[in-house]
Amino acid sequence: MYKEASEALARSHAALSETHEKLNYSTSHDPATGLLNREAFMVTWLVWAEMKNVTCCS
């Protein structure tokens, strides 16, 4: 009984994780080109710039 419940929970978790990954991708990429959309690009650039101590528009 517990084994079946555990296996069902594991399958459910795997499906949820896959759906989460697809949703994250679709919200950060342009559907026509597959490239990062503007918001995702800016966030990525800002993280990179902060790591490299780059300033913008000084």
N, C-alpha and C. Protein backbone atom coordinates (compact mmCIF):
# COMPACT_ATOMS: atom_id res chain seq x y z
N MET A 1 0.82 -1.19 0.00
CA MET A 1 0.00 0.00 0.00
C MET A 1 0.87 1.26 0.00
N TYR A 2 1.84 1.32 0.89
CA TYR A 2 2.69 2.51 0.95
C TYR A 2 3.59 2.61 -0.26
N LYS A 3 3.99 1.45 -0.79
CA LYS A 3 4.85 1.45 -1.97
C LYS A 3 4.13 2.06 -3.16
N GLU A 4 2.86 1.67 -3.38
CA GLU A 4 2.10 2.22 -4.50
C GLU A 4 1.90 3.72 -4.34
N ALA A 5 1.60 4.15 -3.12
CA ALA A 5 1.40 5.57 -2.87
C ALA A 5 2.70 6.34 -3.11
N SER A 6 3.80 5.76 -2.69
CA SER A 6 5.10 6.40 -2.88
C SER A 6 5.44 6.52 -4.36
N GLU A 7 5.17 5.45 -5.12
CA GLU A 7 5.44 5.48 -6.56
C GLU A 7 4.54 6.48 -7.27
N ALA A 8 3.28 6.54 -6.87
CA ALA A 8 2.36 7.50 -7.47
C ALA A 8 2.81 8.93 -7.17
N LEU A 9 3.26 9.15 -5.96
CA LEU A 9 3.75 10.48 -5.58
C LEU A 9 5.00 10.84 -6.38
N ALA A 10 5.89 9.88 -6.59
CA ALA A 10 7.10 10.13 -7.37
C ALA A 10 6.75 10.47 -8.82
N ARG A 11 5.79 9.76 -9.41
CA ARG A 11 5.36 10.06 -10.78
C ARG A 11 4.74 11.45 -10.86
N SER A 12 3.91 11.75 -9.88
CA SER A 12 3.27 13.06 -9.85
C SER A 12 4.30 14.17 -9.72
N HIS A 13 5.28 13.96 -8.88
CA HIS A 13 6.35 14.95 -8.69
C HIS A 13 7.14 15.14 -9.97
N ALA A 14 7.45 14.05 -10.67
CA ALA A 14 8.19 14.13 -11.93
C ALA A 14 7.40 14.91 -12.97
N ALA A 15 6.10 14.63 -13.06
CA ALA A 15 5.26 15.34 -14.03
C ALA A 15 5.17 16.82 -13.69
N LEU A 16 5.04 17.13 -12.42
CA LEU A 16 4.98 18.52 -12.00
C LEU A 16 6.29 19.24 -12.28
N SER A 17 7.41 18.59 -12.04
CA SER A 17 8.71 19.19 -12.32
C SER A 17 8.89 19.47 -13.81
N GLU A 18 8.46 18.53 -14.65
CA GLU A 18 8.56 18.73 -16.09
C GLU A 18 7.68 19.89 -16.56
N THR A 19 6.48 19.97 -16.03
CA THR A 19 5.58 21.07 -16.37
C THR A 19 6.16 22.40 -15.92
N HIS A 20 6.77 22.43 -14.75
CA HIS A 20 7.39 23.64 -14.22
C HIS A 20 8.52 24.11 -15.13
N GLU A 21 9.35 23.17 -15.59
CA GLU A 21 10.45 23.53 -16.49
C GLU A 21 9.93 24.10 -17.80
N LYS A 22 8.89 23.47 -18.36
CA LYS A 22 8.31 23.96 -19.61
C LYS A 22 7.72 25.36 -19.43
N LEU A 23 7.05 25.58 -18.31
CA LEU A 23 6.47 26.89 -18.04
C LEU A 23 7.56 27.95 -17.89
N ASN A 24 8.62 27.63 -17.16
CA ASN A 24 9.73 28.58 -17.02
C ASN A 24 10.33 28.93 -18.37
N TYR A 25 10.50 27.94 -19.23
CA TYR A 25 11.06 28.19 -20.56
C TYR A 25 10.13 29.08 -21.37
N SER A 26 8.84 28.74 -21.37
CA SER A 26 7.91 29.50 -22.20
C SER A 26 7.72 30.94 -21.73
N THR A 27 7.93 31.20 -20.45
CA THR A 27 7.79 32.57 -19.97
C THR A 27 9.05 33.41 -20.17
N SER A 28 10.16 32.77 -20.51
CA SER A 28 11.40 33.54 -20.66
C SER A 28 11.95 33.51 -22.09
N HIS A 29 11.27 32.84 -23.01
CA HIS A 29 11.75 32.73 -24.39
C HIS A 29 10.67 33.16 -25.38
N ASP A 30 11.13 33.74 -26.49
CA ASP A 30 10.24 34.12 -27.57
C ASP A 30 9.80 32.85 -28.31
N PRO A 31 8.50 32.66 -28.50
CA PRO A 31 8.05 31.42 -29.15
C PRO A 31 8.46 31.31 -30.62
N ALA A 32 8.64 32.44 -31.30
CA ALA A 32 9.00 32.40 -32.72
C ALA A 32 10.48 32.09 -32.95
N THR A 33 11.34 32.63 -32.07
CA THR A 33 12.78 32.49 -32.30
C THR A 33 13.47 31.54 -31.33
N GLY A 34 12.86 31.34 -30.17
CA GLY A 34 13.50 30.52 -29.15
C GLY A 34 14.55 31.28 -28.35
N LEU A 35 14.73 32.56 -28.67
CA LEU A 35 15.70 33.38 -27.95
C LEU A 35 15.07 33.92 -26.67
N LEU A 36 15.94 34.36 -25.76
CA LEU A 36 15.43 34.99 -24.54
C LEU A 36 14.57 36.19 -24.90
N ASN A 37 13.48 36.38 -24.18
CA ASN A 37 12.68 37.58 -24.38
C ASN A 37 13.37 38.76 -23.69
N ARG A 38 12.82 39.94 -23.85
CA ARG A 38 13.46 41.15 -23.34
C ARG A 38 13.71 41.08 -21.84
N GLU A 39 12.70 40.69 -21.07
CA GLU A 39 12.85 40.66 -19.62
C GLU A 39 13.92 39.65 -19.19
N ALA A 40 13.88 38.46 -19.76
CA ALA A 40 14.87 37.44 -19.40
C ALA A 40 16.27 37.88 -19.82
N PHE A 41 16.38 38.53 -20.99
CA PHE A 41 17.68 39.02 -21.44
C PHE A 41 18.23 40.06 -20.46
N MET A 42 17.38 41.00 -20.06
CA MET A 42 17.84 42.05 -19.14
C MET A 42 18.24 41.47 -17.79
N VAL A 43 17.48 40.54 -17.27
CA VAL A 43 17.83 39.92 -15.99
C VAL A 43 19.17 39.20 -16.12
N THR A 44 19.34 38.45 -17.21
CA THR A 44 20.59 37.73 -17.43
C THR A 44 21.76 38.71 -17.55
N TRP A 45 21.56 39.78 -18.32
CA TRP A 45 22.62 40.77 -18.49
C TRP A 45 22.97 41.43 -17.17
N LEU A 46 21.96 41.81 -16.39
CA LEU A 46 22.21 42.48 -15.11
C LEU A 46 22.97 41.58 -14.15
N VAL A 47 22.64 40.30 -14.11
CA VAL A 47 23.37 39.37 -13.26
C VAL A 47 24.81 39.27 -13.72
N TRP A 48 25.02 39.15 -15.04
CA TRP A 48 26.37 39.07 -15.59
C TRP A 48 27.15 40.35 -15.27
N ALA A 49 26.51 41.50 -15.49
CA ALA A 49 27.17 42.79 -15.27
C ALA A 49 27.55 42.95 -13.81
N GLU A 50 26.69 42.50 -12.91
CA GLU A 50 27.01 42.60 -11.49
C GLU A 50 28.19 41.72 -11.14
N MET A 51 28.25 40.54 -11.72
CA MET A 51 29.38 39.64 -11.45
C MET A 51 30.69 40.21 -11.98
N LYS A 52 30.62 40.93 -13.11
CA LYS A 52 31.81 41.49 -13.73
C LYS A 52 32.07 42.93 -13.32
N ASN A 53 31.25 43.46 -12.43
CA ASN A 53 31.37 44.85 -12.00
C ASN A 53 31.29 45.82 -13.17
N VAL A 54 30.40 45.55 -14.10
CA VAL A 54 30.18 46.40 -15.27
C VAL A 54 29.08 47.40 -14.93
N THR A 55 29.28 48.66 -15.32
CA THR A 55 28.24 49.65 -15.10
C THR A 55 27.65 50.05 -16.44
N CYS A 56 26.41 50.43 -16.41
CA CYS A 56 25.72 50.82 -17.64
C CYS A 56 25.38 52.29 -17.57
N CYS A 57 25.54 52.95 -18.66
CA CYS A 57 25.07 54.33 -18.82
C CYS A 57 25.70 55.28 -17.80
N SER A 58 27.00 55.16 -17.61
CA SER A 58 27.66 56.03 -16.61
C SER A 58 27.85 57.41 -17.14
